[in-house]
Amino acid sequence: MKKELVNLTNGYIANVGVAYIKLHNLHWNVVGGQFKAVHEYTESIYDALADVLDEVAEVLKMHGEMPLASLKDYLAAATIDELGSKELSVKDTLDILLADLKTLQAQADAIRTMADADGNYHLVAVMEDNLSNYAKNIWFVSSMLK
């Protein structure tokens, strides 16, 4: 696997890891009239991200590469920012979630493109699954924000 693809994939792992923790923060600290629905929805997203984290890291391992695996490394490589602990309105929670989902979608698309050019069809398939899930969740969140 080309070093550039490894680095791009590890950056994605870092963002997924940060988003996973950040989603717990959003889940615990959302307040407002739609609390229950958003509280449950954010839990479903962080559960899905745990699977993404594991699957993408395992693809790197199958190719003899080392995935990032510590919070310190995630924070150093991530472009998604952490979030301090504070109460957030439903709208603010969904705005933050939407922005992070779009960031992850863009990264997954870049990895898919590079993996395809590299002939890494297993990584292409994983990213295509991720892209499909991001598209659906971006639609859900966008619809909730209307």
Foldseek 3Di string as FASTA:
>chain_A
DDPVLLLLLLQLLLLLVLLLVQLVLLLVAEDDDCNVVSNVVSVVVSVVSVVLNVVSQVLQVVVVHHHDDDNVSSVVRYPLDHDDRHHDYPLVSLVSVLVSLVVSLVSLVVSLVVCVVVVVVVSVVSSVVSNVVSVVVNVVSVVVND
